[in-house]
Structures are given as structure tokens and as C-alpha cells.
Amino acid sequence: MHAVRKPWVVGAALLLTVACGGTPAPGSTSSGGTQQNAGRVEFVSSQGQPAQEVQDMNGKVLAGFSGTVDFSSQPTESQDIDKVLAEHLAGQGTIDLLGLTHGGFASLSPADTLTDLTPLLQRLGKDRSFPQALLNYGKLGTSKQYYIPWMQATYVMVVNKKALPYLPKGANVNALTYDQLIAWGQAIQKATGEKLIGLPAAPGTKGGLLHRFLQGYAYPSYTGTEITNFKSPDAVQMWQMLKRLWAVTNPQSTTYAYMQDPLESGEVWVAWDHQARFQDALDKMGDQFQVVPAPAGPRGLGYMSVITGLAIPKNAPNRAGAEQLLDWLTRPKQQITTGATLGFFPTVEGVNLSGSGVPGYLASESAASGRYLADKKGIPALLEVGLGSQGDAFHLAYQDLFTRIVLRDQDITSSLDYEAGQIQQALNTAKAVCWPPDPPSTGPCQIK
């Protein structure tokens, strides 16, 4: 089985329930002192793919663990899911610890493929705690704990302070609309002769995250949904806006996978991306930039919550070692180190993001992200849920739609009709029910 067809028991992710400030959580003692050697642990993760992050995961996050960790993060999440399912069918596993997004875990049949971690969570609970909303997600619609929260994140904009004098009159950089963003780009272009807005539009599964911008930001802000209103009149209005936005966007954006590089070089002054993909620029040149929320649209402020967790496959060859590594990765000190390495926020309550050893940009990003939660018209969206191996095809449809409408100036309505068919096929194949902000469905989510 490839999908979990359970009703949603909680709403949007409680991003930053462990935001900056507060008292640091106590050090872990759940292992009862010095750990025994955990042996060799195969850790497969959909996070930490860039070469520097792999190096830092091995050299910083996993350093000091009592065991040998083989950290594998190069395949896509869809490929990771395929591997778990294939090993389940074969009855023989190679993965000890699995780190995926919430939607990735929901693509597995947890009762068949994943270990119930309730006993482990109870042991961890002696010296650390997690937000209940995140724990509820980890139950995957059941009464069992199939994954334990690991990290959480969102997407933001980073602005070069040189751009601030060109803000439209009356605009608040922390509460922009998409129309104001376009007007800002026009004013910058008029003053400098350059298009200095940037989007991560490099194609491919290892490219930019433009599909997330469309799926979790533009679509909810204009249609109130990710899927069901995919080709509605509101969606047409959104694509018309995106064409105007692209007119003031640096055309080199089709080569940008990570926005931190063009920000550092000055090729762009205003950029949207995953918070982790800004960490280098903010670490090196943070005093030159300001972190702000994404813009809002007619329906409200659409934004996306990224929840990742840690699970142990039922056929893990080294389950004891996997439990020790999960314990290690959810200790407060390792949560901070992981956040600094991957640019995510911790999930353990009480971890202090303003303390020593924490990069300043994490506190800046948490402040901007907190504005999503505070917005009364916020529309929280999740990464796709239950698509499994269809996830790559789902992402590609959004990328192809951008190419058709924005880059090739093809008809909006006919392009929406075609790509809606591609997305519906992926949803049907995976038997994926609707996820927030779309209303629940009893079968595969349907585009109207």
C-alpha cells in the first residue's frame, strides 16, 4: 500500500513552537549515562543533500555518536520511499534510521513498514519534550507513534537593505502583497536599470524549489488551496500576476537552485527560498540583509510548513543502534548543531535559538516565520502528503506549468488543463487524499 487514507486529526504545523528564547532544555540522560557502542547504523535522509551539508552532518552533527553512521542523503525522497517499500516486500531491510518529511512518511503504510516508537518516546520523555501538535503528526492518523519529530522549517524572503528605499509608498516590508512586490521590482528596475528580484527556478529534482513557491505560497494566497482550485479563475488570476512578477525578475533565475549565491554576489536584491538555502549568505553578510515573510494574495498569506521526522523501519537490521541515534539527534545540543548545519529549527521544546553556538540567522528567520503564525489571514499549507513515488511527477507538473505559462507565454487556461491532468494522474495513482489547506477527501484528491 502506498498511501495512508486517514482523516486529518490536526491542523497546520505549529511552526516555531520552540522559537528563540526560553530556557535551554536539560541535557539528555535517557541512555543512562555513557552509551554502549551502537555499531554500524544506516541513516537514510531526504534532508542534507548538498555536499557541504553532508560533510557537516558527518563532521558535526554525527561526530561524537557512539557508533559508525553511514549517512545517505543523495536520492530524492520519492526514491527513498520506493526503497523502503521494495525492502518491505523483499522481507529484508538495509535501512536502520529513516529521516523524511511528514508527507513522505504518510506515503508509506506505517503499520506494515514502520516500528511503533511509543515506548522509545516514553523513554525520551524523561528529559525532553516535543510539541503535542508535532507528535500528533507523527502518529499518521493512528494511536501509535510512527515517527518522532526531528526538525521543522519554512520559506522566507531575504532582502538586501539597498532595496528598502524603493519600497512602494505605504508598503510594509514585513506585510507585503504580491502586487506590492511587483511594484517594488518595477521601482528597483527604474532606479538601477536591473531586474533584481530572484526566484529559485533552476529545473530538475535537484534544482530550485520554485514548485514549493507555487504549491505552498502563490496558490494558497490566490485560491485558498493547493490542489482543488488548481485551474480555477482565481488560479488564472494568480498566473497573470506571476507573469507580471517575472517581468521584473532577473532572467538568470532559471539557473538559480539556491538563492544565497546571487544574493551574495548582488545579482538579486530580493529573493524567496527555503530558509536553509539562505544560511550561507546570512552567515557571511547578515548585516546587509533583512529576513521577511513572503507576500500575501487576495485570499490571505499562504505559507508552507516543513515537518521532518525520524522513524525506524520494521526490518531495520540494527534497531538498537537506530534507537541510540534517534536519541542522539533529539538531544538539545544536537538539535542546535543540526539546525546550524541544515538551517532548520529544532523540534525539542525549550531549545534556545538565541544562546551561544546558535547562528544569528536562525533567530532572524524564526522572527520572520513567526509572522506567518501571527497573521490572522494566514493559510498554512503542508508539503504533499501520501504521493510516495509519484512525488517527483507532481513537482515536475508545477515546474512544467511555469515553463509553459511564464517562460514560453503559452495560453494559461489550456496549460492549466493539461498539467491538471498530470497532477490528477499522480494523485489517483498514489490514492492520495487531500491535505491542508484543501478540505479532506474520502478518496484521491480531485481537481475541480
Protein backbone atom coordinates (compact mmCIF):
# COMPACT_ATOMS: atom_id res chain seq x y z
CA MET A 1 0.00 0.00 0.00
CA HIS A 2 1.31 3.40 -0.92
CA ALA A 3 -0.92 5.80 0.94
CA VAL A 4 -2.48 6.35 4.31
CA ARG A 5 -6.14 7.11 3.89
CA LYS A 6 -6.81 8.59 7.30
CA PRO A 7 -8.66 11.79 8.19
CA TRP A 8 -6.58 14.72 9.36
CA VAL A 9 -6.56 14.85 13.15
CA VAL A 10 -4.64 18.12 13.47
CA GLY A 11 -4.48 21.34 11.51
CA ALA A 12 -1.39 23.17 10.33
CA ALA A 13 2.02 22.51 11.80
CA LEU A 14 2.84 24.61 14.83
CA LEU A 15 5.93 26.17 13.35
CA LEU A 16 8.30 27.60 15.88
CA THR A 17 6.62 26.27 18.98
CA VAL A 18 10.21 26.13 20.15
CA ALA A 19 11.15 29.56 18.85
CA CYS A 20 14.06 31.65 20.06
CA GLY A 21 14.32 32.50 23.70
CA GLY A 22 13.33 30.47 26.72
CA THR A 23 15.33 28.23 28.98
CA PRO A 24 17.55 25.61 27.35
CA ALA A 25 16.25 22.08 27.78
CA PRO A 26 18.23 19.81 30.08
CA GLY A 27 20.88 17.53 28.69
CA SER A 28 19.76 14.02 27.78
CA THR A 29 20.11 11.24 30.30
CA SER A 30 17.75 8.76 28.68
CA SER A 31 20.61 6.50 27.71
CA GLY A 32 21.51 6.09 31.36
CA GLY A 33 24.98 7.56 31.08
CA THR A 34 27.63 6.58 28.51
CA GLN A 35 26.09 4.74 25.60
CA GLN A 36 27.26 1.34 24.52
CA ASN A 37 28.71 1.26 21.03
CA ALA A 38 25.76 1.30 18.62
CA GLY A 39 27.64 -0.46 15.87
CA ARG A 40 27.06 0.49 12.24
CA VAL A 41 23.85 2.46 11.66
CA GLU A 42 22.50 3.09 8.16
CA PHE A 43 20.82 6.52 8.25
CA VAL A 44 18.84 7.45 5.13
CA SER A 45 17.63 11.06 4.99
CA SER A 46 15.81 13.23 2.46
CA GLN A 47 17.45 16.27 4.11
CA GLY A 48 21.09 17.37 3.88
CA GLN A 49 21.72 16.73 0.19
CA PRO A 50 24.28 19.43 -0.74
CA ALA A 51 27.92 18.33 -0.42
CA GLN A 52 28.69 20.83 2.35
CA GLU A 53 25.68 19.69 4.37
CA VAL A 54 26.72 16.05 4.00
CA GLN A 55 30.20 16.97 5.22
CA ASP A 56 28.80 18.94 8.16
CA MET A 57 26.33 16.20 9.08
CA ASN A 58 29.20 13.72 9.28
CA GLY A 59 31.73 16.10 10.84
CA LYS A 60 29.50 17.97 13.28
CA VAL A 61 26.05 16.50 13.87
CA LEU A 62 27.04 12.84 13.91
CA ALA A 63 30.52 13.36 15.37
CA GLY A 64 30.73 12.02 18.89
CA PHE A 65 27.99 9.44 18.44
CA SER A 66 28.88 6.08 19.94
CA GLY A 67 28.82 4.13 16.72
CA THR A 68 29.51 4.37 12.98
CA VAL A 69 26.85 6.16 10.93
CA ASP A 70 26.52 5.70 7.19
CA PHE A 71 24.64 8.89 6.25
CA SER A 72 22.90 8.67 2.86
CA SER A 73 21.02 11.68 1.50
CA GLN A 74 21.58 11.83 -2.26
CA PRO A 75 18.41 10.10 -3.58
CA THR A 76 15.16 12.06 -3.70
CA GLU A 77 12.51 11.42 -1.08
CA SER A 78 10.44 9.55 -3.65
CA GLN A 79 13.40 7.23 -4.26
CA ASP A 80 13.83 6.73 -0.51
CA ILE A 81 10.17 5.75 -0.25
CA ASP A 82 10.49 3.31 -3.14
CA LYS A 83 13.47 1.70 -1.40
CA VAL A 84 11.60 1.26 1.89
CA LEU A 85 8.62 -0.30 0.13
CA ALA A 86 10.80 -2.57 -2.01
CA GLU A 87 12.73 -3.80 1.03
CA HIS A 88 9.45 -4.39 2.86
CA LEU A 89 8.20 -6.59 0.01
CA ALA A 90 11.53 -8.42 -0.11
CA GLY A 91 11.40 -9.05 3.64
CA GLN A 92 14.94 -7.86 4.15
CA GLY A 93 15.99 -4.32 5.02
CA THR A 94 19.18 -2.28 4.90
CA ILE A 95 17.93 0.98 6.48
CA ASP A 96 18.18 1.45 10.25
CA LEU A 97 17.02 5.06 10.68
CA LEU A 98 14.85 6.98 8.23
CA GLY A 99 14.57 10.78 8.08
CA LEU A 100 11.73 12.03 5.84
CA THR A 101 9.16 14.79 5.67
CA HIS A 102 5.71 14.25 7.13
CA GLY A 103 4.27 13.75 3.66
CA GLY A 104 6.93 11.15 2.86
CA PHE A 105 6.05 9.08 5.91
CA ALA A 106 2.36 9.35 5.07
CA SER A 107 3.17 7.72 1.72
CA LEU A 108 4.23 4.55 3.48
CA SER A 109 1.86 2.06 5.03
CA PRO A 110 3.13 2.67 8.56
CA ALA A 111 1.58 -0.37 10.23
CA ASP A 112 3.38 -2.58 7.69
CA THR A 113 6.69 -0.76 7.23
CA LEU A 114 7.46 1.30 10.37
CA THR A 115 8.14 0.46 14.01
CA ASP A 116 5.82 1.81 16.70
CA LEU A 117 8.11 4.20 18.61
CA THR A 118 5.74 4.84 21.52
CA PRO A 119 7.99 3.01 24.04
CA LEU A 120 11.05 4.95 22.81
CA LEU A 121 9.17 8.25 23.02
CA GLN A 122 8.23 7.46 26.61
CA ARG A 123 11.90 6.92 27.47
CA LEU A 124 12.94 10.12 25.68
CA GLY A 125 10.18 11.96 27.55
CA LYS A 126 12.11 11.62 30.81
CA ASP A 127 14.38 14.51 29.82
CA ARG A 128 12.95 16.22 26.72
CA SER A 129 9.56 17.08 25.29
CA PHE A 130 8.09 17.80 21.87
CA PRO A 131 5.11 19.98 20.90
CA GLN A 132 1.99 17.84 21.02
CA ALA A 133 0.87 19.02 17.57
CA LEU A 134 4.10 17.69 16.05
CA LEU A 135 3.74 14.41 17.92
CA ASN A 136 0.19 14.12 16.58
CA TYR A 137 1.53 14.39 13.05
CA GLY A 138 3.95 11.56 13.83
CA LYS A 139 1.01 9.26 14.63
CA LEU A 140 -0.08 9.44 10.97
CA GLY A 141 -3.74 9.32 11.88
CA THR A 142 -3.36 6.36 14.27
CA SER A 143 -2.83 5.90 18.01
CA LYS A 144 0.79 4.80 17.51
CA GLN A 145 3.93 6.95 17.22
CA TYR A 146 5.42 6.07 13.86
CA TYR A 147 7.90 8.93 13.69
CA ILE A 148 9.40 11.32 16.23
CA PRO A 149 9.79 15.00 15.23
CA TRP A 150 13.31 15.89 14.12
CA MET A 151 13.34 19.36 12.51
CA GLN A 152 10.92 21.95 11.14
CA ALA A 153 11.25 24.83 8.71
CA THR A 154 9.50 27.22 6.35
CA TYR A 155 10.28 29.51 3.42
CA VAL A 156 11.00 33.23 3.63
CA MET A 157 12.25 36.19 1.64
CA VAL A 158 15.64 37.79 2.17
CA VAL A 159 16.08 41.43 1.19
CA ASN A 160 19.26 43.38 0.55
CA LYS A 161 18.88 46.59 2.55
CA LYS A 162 19.82 48.52 -0.60
CA ALA A 163 16.34 47.68 -1.89
CA LEU A 164 14.44 49.19 1.03
CA PRO A 165 14.44 52.83 -0.23
CA TYR A 166 12.48 51.68 -3.30
CA LEU A 167 9.56 50.13 -1.41
CA PRO A 168 6.19 51.38 -2.74
CA LYS A 169 4.67 54.19 -0.69
CA GLY A 170 2.78 52.80 2.29
CA ALA A 171 4.17 49.28 1.88
CA ASN A 172 5.40 47.34 4.92
CA VAL A 173 8.29 45.02 4.07
CA ASN A 174 7.02 42.59 6.72
CA ALA A 175 3.49 42.53 5.29
CA LEU A 176 3.77 42.82 1.51
CA THR A 177 1.24 41.81 -1.10
CA TYR A 178 2.26 40.26 -4.40
CA ASP A 179 1.16 43.42 -6.22
CA GLN A 180 3.42 45.46 -3.93
CA LEU A 181 6.31 43.08 -4.60
CA ILE A 182 5.85 43.65 -8.33
CA ALA A 183 5.68 47.42 -7.85
CA TRP A 184 8.84 47.21 -5.74
CA GLY A 185 10.62 45.33 -8.52
CA GLN A 186 9.50 47.92 -11.03
CA ALA A 187 10.82 50.76 -8.86
CA ILE A 188 14.17 48.99 -8.40
CA GLN A 189 14.46 48.40 -12.15
CA LYS A 190 13.62 52.02 -12.91
CA ALA A 191 16.28 53.27 -10.49
CA THR A 192 19.06 50.78 -11.29
CA GLY A 193 18.26 49.56 -14.79
CA GLU A 194 18.36 45.99 -13.50
CA LYS A 195 15.85 43.29 -12.58
CA LEU A 196 16.85 42.42 -9.03
CA ILE A 197 14.10 40.10 -7.80
CA GLY A 198 15.16 36.45 -7.76
CA LEU A 199 13.37 33.08 -7.70
CA PRO A 200 14.94 29.59 -7.47
CA ALA A 201 13.74 28.46 -10.89
CA ALA A 202 16.52 26.07 -11.91
CA PRO A 203 14.76 22.93 -13.22
CA GLY A 204 15.08 19.32 -12.08
CA THR A 205 14.60 17.31 -8.91
CA LYS A 206 17.93 18.63 -7.56
CA GLY A 207 17.28 22.17 -8.80
CA GLY A 208 15.43 25.09 -7.29
CA LEU A 209 12.29 25.00 -5.18
CA LEU A 210 10.03 27.01 -7.45
CA HIS A 211 7.41 24.26 -7.23
CA ARG A 212 7.18 24.92 -3.48
CA PHE A 213 6.68 28.63 -4.15
CA LEU A 214 3.77 27.80 -6.44
CA GLN A 215 2.32 24.98 -4.34
CA GLY A 216 2.57 26.49 -0.86
CA TYR A 217 2.66 30.26 -1.39
CA ALA A 218 1.17 31.56 -4.63
CA TYR A 219 -1.65 29.02 -4.93
CA PRO A 220 -2.96 29.25 -1.33
CA SER A 221 -2.62 33.05 -1.38
CA TYR A 222 -4.77 33.31 -4.52
CA THR A 223 -7.04 30.22 -4.42
CA GLY A 224 -7.05 29.21 -0.75
CA THR A 225 -5.94 25.69 -1.76
CA GLU A 226 -3.05 23.74 -3.26
CA ILE A 227 -4.98 21.24 -5.37
CA THR A 228 -8.75 21.53 -5.69
CA ASN A 229 -8.75 25.04 -7.20
CA PHE A 230 -5.70 24.33 -9.36
CA LYS A 231 -7.32 25.57 -12.60
CA SER A 232 -9.96 27.91 -11.17
CA PRO A 233 -10.49 31.57 -12.24
CA ASP A 234 -8.52 32.53 -9.13
CA ALA A 235 -5.65 30.39 -10.39
CA VAL A 236 -5.76 32.18 -13.74
CA GLN A 237 -5.51 35.48 -11.89
CA MET A 238 -2.51 34.13 -9.99
CA TRP A 239 -0.71 33.14 -13.16
CA GLN A 240 -1.36 36.55 -14.64
CA MET A 241 0.29 38.02 -11.55
CA LEU A 242 3.26 35.68 -11.92
CA LYS A 243 3.82 36.82 -15.48
CA ARG A 244 3.97 40.41 -14.23
CA LEU A 245 6.33 39.36 -11.44
CA TRP A 246 8.60 37.58 -13.90
CA ALA A 247 8.84 40.77 -15.95
CA VAL A 248 10.83 42.33 -13.08
CA THR A 249 12.68 39.14 -12.09
CA ASN A 250 16.30 38.51 -13.01
CA PRO A 251 16.15 36.19 -16.05
CA GLN A 252 19.13 34.27 -14.64
CA SER A 253 16.65 32.89 -12.11
CA THR A 254 16.23 29.87 -14.39
CA THR A 255 19.79 28.93 -13.36
CA TYR A 256 19.35 29.53 -9.62
CA ALA A 257 18.99 26.45 -7.41
CA TYR A 258 19.98 28.24 -4.19
CA MET A 259 19.24 31.93 -3.74
CA GLN A 260 22.09 32.58 -1.31
CA ASP A 261 24.65 32.75 -4.12
CA PRO A 262 23.00 35.51 -6.23
CA LEU A 263 22.24 37.41 -3.02
CA GLU A 264 25.90 37.33 -2.01
CA SER A 265 27.04 38.42 -5.49
CA GLY A 266 24.45 41.22 -5.68
CA GLU A 267 22.77 39.75 -8.75
CA VAL A 268 19.47 39.95 -6.87
CA TRP A 269 18.29 42.15 -4.00
CA VAL A 270 15.02 40.41 -3.13
CA ALA A 271 14.80 36.61 -3.07
CA TRP A 272 12.42 33.84 -1.95
CA ASP A 273 13.62 30.37 -0.92
CA HIS A 274 13.68 27.72 1.78
CA GLN A 275 15.22 29.17 4.93
CA ALA A 276 18.07 26.63 4.79
CA ARG A 277 19.11 27.87 1.37
CA PHE A 278 19.89 31.33 2.71
CA GLN A 279 22.14 30.28 5.57
CA ASP A 280 25.49 30.92 3.86
CA ALA A 281 24.57 34.45 2.75
CA LEU A 282 23.08 35.32 6.14
CA ASP A 283 26.04 33.84 7.98
CA LYS A 284 28.60 35.79 5.94
CA MET A 285 26.73 39.03 5.24
CA GLY A 286 23.81 39.06 7.66
CA ASP A 287 24.15 42.76 8.48
CA GLN A 288 23.41 43.59 4.83
CA PHE A 289 20.15 41.64 4.67
CA GLN A 290 16.72 41.56 6.28
CA VAL A 291 14.62 38.38 6.56
CA VAL A 292 10.90 38.94 5.89
CA PRO A 293 7.78 36.83 5.23
CA ALA A 294 6.54 36.00 1.75
CA PRO A 295 3.81 38.25 0.29
CA ALA A 296 0.06 37.76 0.68
CA GLY A 297 -2.60 37.48 -2.00
CA PRO A 298 -6.36 38.09 -2.26
CA ARG A 299 -7.21 35.02 -0.13
CA GLY A 300 -4.58 35.67 2.54
CA LEU A 301 -0.98 34.84 3.44
CA GLY A 302 -0.17 31.41 2.10
CA TYR A 303 2.87 29.75 3.66
CA MET A 304 4.28 26.27 3.92
CA SER A 305 5.33 24.29 6.99
CA VAL A 306 8.04 21.66 6.56
CA ILE A 307 7.98 18.95 9.22
CA THR A 308 10.61 16.23 9.26
CA GLY A 309 10.75 13.19 11.47
CA LEU A 310 12.81 10.13 12.35
CA ALA A 311 11.47 6.58 12.03
CA ILE A 312 12.78 3.04 12.21
CA PRO A 313 11.71 0.55 9.53
CA LYS A 314 10.31 -2.71 10.88
CA ASN A 315 13.04 -4.68 9.12
CA ALA A 316 15.92 -2.46 10.33
CA PRO A 317 18.99 -4.70 10.79
CA ASN A 318 20.26 -2.63 13.74
CA ARG A 319 17.19 -1.41 15.59
CA ALA A 320 19.03 -0.84 18.87
CA GLY A 321 21.61 1.31 17.09
CA ALA A 322 18.84 3.25 15.34
CA GLU A 323 17.18 3.99 18.69
CA GLN A 324 20.50 5.26 20.06
CA LEU A 325 20.99 7.52 17.04
CA LEU A 326 17.43 8.86 17.29
CA ASP A 327 18.12 9.62 20.96
CA TRP A 328 21.34 11.42 19.94
CA LEU A 329 19.71 13.51 17.22
CA THR A 330 16.93 14.75 19.50
CA ARG A 331 19.18 15.88 22.33
CA PRO A 332 19.12 19.68 22.72
CA LYS A 333 22.80 20.13 21.84
CA GLN A 334 22.45 18.06 18.67
CA GLN A 335 19.21 19.86 17.79
CA ILE A 336 21.14 23.14 17.80
CA THR A 337 24.02 21.64 15.81
CA THR A 338 21.61 20.15 13.28
CA GLY A 339 19.78 23.47 12.97
CA ALA A 340 23.06 25.27 12.35
CA THR A 341 24.10 22.66 9.78
CA LEU A 342 20.87 22.26 7.82
CA GLY A 343 19.28 25.67 8.50
CA PHE A 344 16.20 24.20 10.21
CA PHE A 345 14.52 24.96 13.52
CA PRO A 346 14.57 22.43 16.40
CA THR A 347 11.54 20.44 17.46
CA VAL A 348 12.54 19.79 21.07
CA GLU A 349 10.84 22.29 23.36
CA GLY A 350 12.98 24.76 25.30
CA VAL A 351 15.95 24.80 22.91
CA ASN A 352 17.27 28.37 22.96
CA LEU A 353 17.87 29.80 19.48
CA SER A 354 19.41 32.96 20.90
CA GLY A 355 22.01 31.17 23.00
CA SER A 356 25.70 30.66 22.41
CA GLY A 357 26.66 28.47 19.50
CA VAL A 358 23.48 29.27 17.57
CA PRO A 359 23.95 31.17 14.29
CA GLY A 360 22.30 34.59 14.41
CA TYR A 361 20.42 33.96 11.18
CA LEU A 362 18.29 31.25 12.80
CA ALA A 363 16.88 33.82 15.23
CA SER A 364 16.26 36.24 12.33
CA GLU A 365 14.49 33.56 10.34
CA SER A 366 12.42 32.48 13.33
CA ALA A 367 11.24 36.07 13.81
CA ALA A 368 10.14 36.29 10.18
CA SER A 369 8.48 32.88 10.35
CA GLY A 370 6.63 33.87 13.50
CA ARG A 371 4.84 36.49 11.43
CA TYR A 372 3.15 33.69 9.48
CA LEU A 373 1.63 32.33 12.68
CA ALA A 374 0.60 35.79 13.85
CA ASP A 375 -1.17 36.74 10.63
CA LYS A 376 -4.95 36.48 11.07
CA LYS A 377 -5.32 35.66 7.37
CA GLY A 378 -2.55 33.09 7.33
CA ILE A 379 -3.15 29.99 5.20
CA PRO A 380 -0.79 27.24 6.39
CA ALA A 381 -0.03 24.57 3.80
CA LEU A 382 1.75 21.24 4.05
CA LEU A 383 4.15 19.59 1.67
CA GLU A 384 2.30 16.99 -0.38
CA VAL A 385 1.07 14.04 1.66
CA GLY A 386 0.72 10.45 0.52
CA LEU A 387 2.14 10.78 -3.00
CA GLY A 388 5.06 8.44 -2.43
CA SER A 389 6.86 7.61 -5.67
CA GLN A 390 4.52 9.98 -7.53
CA GLY A 391 6.08 12.97 -5.76
CA ASP A 392 8.65 13.68 -8.48
CA ALA A 393 5.94 13.71 -11.18
CA PHE A 394 3.85 16.04 -9.02
CA HIS A 395 6.73 18.50 -8.67
CA LEU A 396 7.53 18.31 -12.37
CA ALA A 397 3.97 19.33 -13.31
CA TYR A 398 4.35 22.62 -11.40
CA GLN A 399 7.74 23.27 -12.98
CA ASP A 400 6.43 22.48 -16.45
CA LEU A 401 3.43 24.74 -15.90
CA PHE A 402 5.73 27.63 -15.02
CA THR A 403 7.74 26.94 -18.18
CA ARG A 404 4.61 26.86 -20.34
CA ILE A 405 2.89 29.97 -18.99
CA VAL A 406 5.67 32.26 -17.80
CA LEU A 407 8.71 31.35 -19.87
CA ARG A 408 7.01 30.36 -23.14
CA ASP A 409 3.94 32.61 -22.88
CA GLN A 410 1.52 29.77 -23.69
CA ASP A 411 -2.21 30.07 -23.05
CA ILE A 412 -2.95 29.93 -19.33
CA THR A 413 -6.22 28.01 -19.49
CA SER A 414 -5.04 25.26 -21.82
CA SER A 415 -1.76 24.91 -19.91
CA LEU A 416 -3.68 24.54 -16.63
CA ASP A 417 -5.95 21.93 -18.18
CA TYR A 418 -3.01 19.84 -19.38
CA GLU A 419 -0.93 19.96 -16.20
CA ALA A 420 -4.05 19.41 -14.08
CA GLY A 421 -4.33 16.08 -15.88
CA GLN A 422 -0.74 15.21 -14.97
CA ILE A 423 -1.28 16.09 -11.32
CA GLN A 424 -4.61 14.23 -11.15
CA GLN A 425 -2.95 11.13 -12.59
CA ALA A 426 -0.28 11.28 -9.87
CA LEU A 427 -2.92 11.73 -7.16
CA ASN A 428 -5.02 8.86 -8.49
CA THR A 429 -2.05 6.51 -8.85
CA ALA A 430 -0.94 7.19 -5.28
CA LYS A 431 -4.53 7.23 -3.96
CA ALA A 432 -3.51 10.42 -2.14
CA VAL A 433 -6.28 12.17 -0.23
CA CYS A 434 -6.37 15.97 0.08
CA TRP A 435 -4.13 17.62 2.65
CA PRO A 436 -4.27 21.12 4.22
CA PRO A 437 -5.22 23.71 3.19
CA ASP A 438 -7.54 21.71 0.90
CA PRO A 439 -10.62 20.22 2.58
CA PRO A 440 -10.43 16.49 3.44
CA SER A 441 -11.50 13.99 0.79
CA THR A 442 -12.76 10.43 1.07
CA GLY A 443 -10.76 9.25 -1.95
CA PRO A 444 -7.95 10.64 -4.09
CA CYS A 445 -7.91 14.44 -4.01
CA GLN A 446 -9.76 15.84 -7.03
CA ILE A 447 -9.07 18.98 -9.03
CA LYS A 448 -12.34 20.77 -9.74
